[in-house]
Structure formats: structure tokens, C-alpha cells
C-alpha atoms as a PDB file:
ATOM      1  CA  UNK A   1     174.894  53.213 -87.972  1.00  0.00           C
ATOM      2  CA  UNK A   2     176.782  51.937 -91.046  1.00  0.00           C
ATOM      3  CA  UNK A   3     177.237  54.305 -94.039  1.00  0.00           C
ATOM      4  CA  UNK A   4     175.918  53.352 -97.362  1.00  0.00           C
ATOM      5  CA  UNK A   5     178.704  54.425-100.041  1.00  0.00           C
ATOM      6  CA  UNK A   6     177.079  55.580-103.676  1.00  0.00           C
ATOM      7  CA  UNK A   7     178.709  55.009-107.116  1.00  0.00           C
ATOM      8  CA  UNK A   8     176.599  58.036-108.477  1.00  0.00           C
ATOM      9  CA  UNK A   9     178.163  61.563-108.244  1.00  0.00           C
ATOM     10  CA  UNK A  10     175.867  64.149-106.628  1.00  0.00           C
ATOM     11  CA  UNK A  11     174.561  67.039-109.436  1.00  0.00           C
ATOM     12  CA  UNK A  12     177.011  69.621-110.263  1.00  0.00           C
ATOM     13  CA  UNK A  13     176.442  73.302-110.330  1.00  0.00           C
ATOM     14  CA  UNK A  14     176.205  76.430-108.256  1.00  0.00           C
ATOM     15  CA  UNK A  15     173.008  78.295-109.851  1.00  0.00           C
ATOM     16  CA  UNK A  16     169.778  77.400-108.430  1.00  0.00           C
ATOM     17  CA  UNK A  17     168.149  77.373-111.968  1.00  0.00           C
ATOM     18  CA  UNK A  18     170.597  74.818-113.270  1.00  0.00           C
ATOM     19  CA  UNK A  19     170.769  72.221-110.149  1.00  0.00           C
ATOM     20  CA  UNK A  20     166.939  72.115-110.289  1.00  0.00           C
ATOM     21  CA  UNK A  21     166.928  71.690-113.829  1.00  0.00           C
ATOM     22  CA  UNK A  22     169.162  68.874-113.693  1.00  0.00           C
ATOM     23  CA  UNK A  23     167.242  67.413-110.638  1.00  0.00           C
ATOM     24  CA  UNK A  24     164.046  67.541-112.524  1.00  0.00           C
ATOM     25  CA  UNK A  25     165.534  65.618-115.755  1.00  0.00           C
ATOM     26  CA  UNK A  26     166.597  63.129-113.126  1.00  0.00           C
ATOM     27  CA  UNK A  27     163.466  62.968-111.145  1.00  0.00           C
ATOM     28  CA  UNK A  28     161.409  62.720-114.698  1.00  0.00           C
ATOM     29  CA  UNK A  29     163.267  59.320-115.745  1.00  0.00           C
ATOM     30  CA  UNK A  30     161.819  58.107-112.870  1.00  0.00           C
ATOM     31  CA  UNK A  31     158.843  59.319-113.412  1.00  0.00           C
ATOM     32  CA  UNK A  32     158.537  57.897-116.954  1.00  0.00           C
ATOM     33  CA  UNK A  33     158.813  54.820-115.973  1.00  0.00           C
ATOM     34  CA  UNK A  34     155.816  54.740-113.404  1.00  0.00           C
ATOM     35  CA  UNK A  35     152.255  55.098-114.495  1.00  0.00           C
ATOM     36  CA  UNK A  36     150.873  56.836-111.502  1.00  0.00           C
ATOM     37  CA  UNK A  37     152.863  58.454-108.605  1.00  0.00           C
ATOM     38  CA  UNK A  38     156.682  57.891-109.199  1.00  0.00           C
ATOM     39  CA  UNK A  39     158.181  55.500-106.882  1.00  0.00           C
ATOM     40  CA  UNK A  40     161.412  53.606-106.431  1.00  0.00           C
ATOM     41  CA  UNK A  41     161.790  50.215-105.090  1.00  0.00           C
ATOM     42  CA  UNK A  42     163.648  49.636-101.850  1.00  0.00           C
ATOM     43  CA  UNK A  43     166.143  46.993-101.448  1.00  0.00           C
ATOM     44  CA  UNK A  44     165.922  47.298 -97.427  1.00  0.00           C
ATOM     45  CA  UNK A  45     161.999  47.362 -97.296  1.00  0.00           C
ATOM     46  CA  UNK A  46     161.991  43.965 -99.591  1.00  0.00           C
ATOM     47  CA  UNK A  47     161.443  45.873-102.824  1.00  0.00           C
ATOM     48  CA  UNK A  48     158.556  48.064-101.419  1.00  0.00           C
ATOM     49  CA  UNK A  49     157.428  51.183-103.152  1.00  0.00           C
ATOM     50  CA  UNK A  50     159.062  54.540-101.566  1.00  0.00           C
ATOM     51  CA  UNK A  51     157.253  57.261-103.202  1.00  0.00           C
ATOM     52  CA  UNK A  52     158.836  60.344-104.513  1.00  0.00           C
ATOM     53  CA  UNK A  53     156.381  63.233-104.514  1.00  0.00           C
ATOM     54  CA  UNK A  54     156.421  63.935-100.669  1.00  0.00           C
ATOM     55  CA  UNK A  55     160.123  65.332-101.014  1.00  0.00           C
ATOM     56  CA  UNK A  56     159.013  67.850-103.586  1.00  0.00           C
ATOM     57  CA  UNK A  57     156.330  69.350-101.071  1.00  0.00           C
ATOM     58  CA  UNK A  58     158.890  69.153 -98.419  1.00  0.00           C
ATOM     59  CA  UNK A  59     161.806  70.903-100.742  1.00  0.00           C
ATOM     60  CA  UNK A  60     159.561  73.868-101.720  1.00  0.00           C
ATOM     61  CA  UNK A  61     158.530  74.807 -97.883  1.00  0.00           C
ATOM     62  CA  UNK A  62     162.102  75.680 -97.729  1.00  0.00           C
ATOM     63  CA  UNK A  63     162.381  79.452 -98.199  1.00  0.00           C
ATOM     64  CA  UNK A  64     166.080  79.779 -98.576  1.00  0.00           C
ATOM     65  CA  UNK A  65     167.393  78.909-102.022  1.00  0.00           C
ATOM     66  CA  UNK A  66     170.996  77.724-101.099  1.00  0.00           C
ATOM     67  CA  UNK A  67     169.123  75.252 -98.895  1.00  0.00           C
ATOM     68  CA  UNK A  68     167.238  73.791-101.726  1.00  0.00           C
ATOM     69  CA  UNK A  69     170.197  73.548-103.870  1.00  0.00           C
ATOM     70  CA  UNK A  70     172.126  71.646-101.135  1.00  0.00           C
ATOM     71  CA  UNK A  71     169.539  69.102-101.001  1.00  0.00           C
ATOM     72  CA  UNK A  72     168.761  68.542-104.594  1.00  0.00           C
ATOM     73  CA  UNK A  73     172.350  68.003-105.311  1.00  0.00           C
ATOM     74  CA  UNK A  74     172.190  64.887-103.386  1.00  0.00           C
ATOM     75  CA  UNK A  75     169.298  63.283-105.403  1.00  0.00           C
ATOM     76  CA  UNK A  76     170.811  60.956-107.642  1.00  0.00           C
ATOM     77  CA  UNK A  77     172.537  59.964-104.451  1.00  0.00           C
ATOM     78  CA  UNK A  78     169.736  59.280-102.305  1.00  0.00           C
ATOM     79  CA  UNK A  79     167.716  57.294-104.994  1.00  0.00           C
ATOM     80  CA  UNK A  80     170.641  54.934-105.253  1.00  0.00           C
ATOM     81  CA  UNK A  81     170.790  54.698-101.567  1.00  0.00           C
ATOM     82  CA  UNK A  82     167.062  53.581-101.364  1.00  0.00           C
ATOM     83  CA  UNK A  83     167.527  51.479-104.391  1.00  0.00           C
ATOM     84  CA  UNK A  84     170.482  49.185-103.162  1.00  0.00           C
ATOM     85  CA  UNK A  85     171.109  49.914 -99.599  1.00  0.00           C
ATOM     86  CA  UNK A  86     170.429  46.832 -97.152  1.00  0.00           C
ATOM     87  CA  UNK A  87     172.116  48.560 -94.346  1.00  0.00           C
ATOM     88  CA  UNK A  88     169.749  49.229 -91.407  1.00  0.00           C
ATOM     89  CA  UNK A  89     168.452  52.993 -90.772  1.00  0.00           C
ATOM     90  CA  UNK A  90     167.938  54.483 -87.545  1.00  0.00           C
ATOM     91  CA  UNK A  91     164.162  54.123 -87.135  1.00  0.00           C
ATOM     92  CA  UNK A  92     161.624  55.921 -84.665  1.00  0.00           C
ATOM     93  CA  UNK A  93     158.322  56.796 -83.829  1.00  0.00           C
ATOM     94  CA  UNK A  94     157.134  60.354 -85.252  1.00  0.00           C
ATOM     95  CA  UNK A  95     157.104  62.553 -82.138  1.00  0.00           C
ATOM     96  CA  UNK A  96     154.364  64.829 -83.996  1.00  0.00           C
ATOM     97  CA  UNK A  97     152.411  61.685 -85.477  1.00  0.00           C
ATOM     98  CA  UNK A  98     152.457  58.563 -83.620  1.00  0.00           C
ATOM     99  CA  UNK A  99     151.051  56.445 -86.238  1.00  0.00           C
ATOM    100  CA  UNK A 100     154.212  57.018 -88.293  1.00  0.00           C
ATOM    101  CA  UNK A 101     157.581  55.659 -87.908  1.00  0.00           C
ATOM    102  CA  UNK A 102     160.959  57.613 -89.336  1.00  0.00           C
ATOM    103  CA  UNK A 103     163.588  55.809 -90.822  1.00  0.00           C
ATOM    104  CA  UNK A 104     166.931  57.928 -91.456  1.00  0.00           C
ATOM    105  CA  UNK A 105     169.486  56.281 -93.822  1.00  0.00           C
ATOM    106  CA  UNK A 106     172.847  57.599 -93.876  1.00  0.00           C
ATOM    107  CA  UNK A 107     175.114  57.540 -97.046  1.00  0.00           C
ATOM    108  CA  UNK A 108     178.397  58.837 -98.396  1.00  0.00           C
ATOM    109  CA  UNK A 109     178.514  60.531-101.885  1.00  0.00           C
ATOM    110  CA  UNK A 110     180.891  59.746-104.507  1.00  0.00           C
ATOM    111  CA  UNK A 111     182.726  63.225-103.291  1.00  0.00           C
ATOM    112  CA  UNK A 112     183.099  61.923 -99.831  1.00  0.00           C
ATOM    113  CA  UNK A 113     180.359  64.217 -98.693  1.00  0.00           C
ATOM    114  CA  UNK A 114     177.938  62.711 -95.819  1.00  0.00           C
ATOM    115  CA  UNK A 115     174.440  62.879 -96.319  1.00  0.00           C
ATOM    116  CA  UNK A 116     170.927  61.595 -94.755  1.00  0.00           C
ATOM    117  CA  UNK A 117     168.045  60.414 -96.053  1.00  0.00           C
ATOM    118  CA  UNK A 118     164.511  60.336 -94.465  1.00  0.00           C
ATOM    119  CA  UNK A 119     161.691  57.922 -95.391  1.00  0.00           C
ATOM    120  CA  UNK A 120     158.380  58.098 -93.594  1.00  0.00           C
ATOM    121  CA  UNK A 121     156.172  54.977 -92.972  1.00  0.00           C
ATOM    122  CA  UNK A 122     152.721  54.736 -91.991  1.00  0.00           C
ATOM    123  CA  UNK A 123     152.069  52.101 -89.555  1.00  0.00           C
ATOM    124  CA  UNK A 124     148.559  51.131 -90.563  1.00  0.00           C
ATOM    125  CA  UNK A 125     149.083  50.760 -94.443  1.00  0.00           C
ATOM    126  CA  UNK A 126     152.638  50.085 -94.797  1.00  0.00           C
ATOM    127  CA  UNK A 127     153.172  53.079 -97.240  1.00  0.00           C
ATOM    128  CA  UNK A 128     156.556  54.672 -97.523  1.00  0.00           C
ATOM    129  CA  UNK A 129     157.734  58.099 -98.827  1.00  0.00           C
ATOM    130  CA  UNK A 130     160.681  59.818 -99.466  1.00  0.00           C
ATOM    131  CA  UNK A 131     160.408  63.254 -96.871  1.00  0.00           C
ATOM    132  CA  UNK A 132     163.994  64.972 -96.882  1.00  0.00           C
ATOM    133  CA  UNK A 133     167.533  64.455 -98.276  1.00  0.00           C
ATOM    134  CA  UNK A 134     170.048  66.778 -96.522  1.00  0.00           C
ATOM    135  CA  UNK A 135     173.827  66.954 -95.922  1.00  0.00           C
ATOM    136  CA  UNK A 136     175.547  66.838 -93.307  1.00  0.00           C
ATOM    137  CA  UNK A 137     177.196  70.421 -92.516  1.00  0.00           C
ATOM    138  CA  UNK A 138     180.860  70.649 -91.177  1.00  0.00           C
ATOM    139  CA  UNK A 139     180.511  73.761 -90.056  1.00  0.00           C
END
């Protein structure tokens, strides 16, 4: 699988509130540009919409604030990857729900940190949602 190299740096900060504030500011710029549900258009999926609201639900299911910070820092990088990447993701049918396809894109931030972006697609309607952003841990 090939890697998409972003030109946007990840969000700075170590405090949860600091990173969350910057992430919400970035997200609100996207939200203001849409009328209903916030979305970005994907280059890989022929400019179809990728809705963003499911990402926040998934993020706040995480109990560990450190994990939330790790994921939120990569939000600008993930949005750039979705908007500009033509590189084929790893796609597979969802094991729990066979009516869904999960697409996993691989990216590299400006700081040379590897991360993944997961997009869920409904087979029947073709709707797509950003589900998760997570960095690769070198631990």
C-alpha cells in the first residue's frame, strides 16, 4: 500500500483542551462551508462527499484523553488526505456488518509520523463517513 504525504502539519499541543480547541476550530471552518452535515469531497471517490460527524461520536467513545489527543492531532492531515489522495486504500467488508465496506488510507504527516484514516461506505446507498484517524505507534 502506498503512502500519501501531507503538506499540512499536525496540530500542536500537549494539553487536551488546547488540542481539542484547535481541532474544533479547524472542524468549524469546514462546518461553516456546508449547509447541513459537515463533509469534504474526496479525490479518490470521484469527488463524492465524506461526512465527518461520525468521527466525533467515535472519538468521544474513547475514555482515555491521551488517546483522544493522539487522534485529534492528525485531523488536518486526515482531511487533506481525504481531499487530495488518489492512492488506493486497503478495502474490506466489515466483519460485523456485511452491508458496509471499510476503506483504510495510509498517510505520512509533515513531521514524518505515519497515520491511518478509516472511511466507512454503505454498499446500498454509497454514503461514506470518516470513522477514525489513528497514528501508528512505534512502541
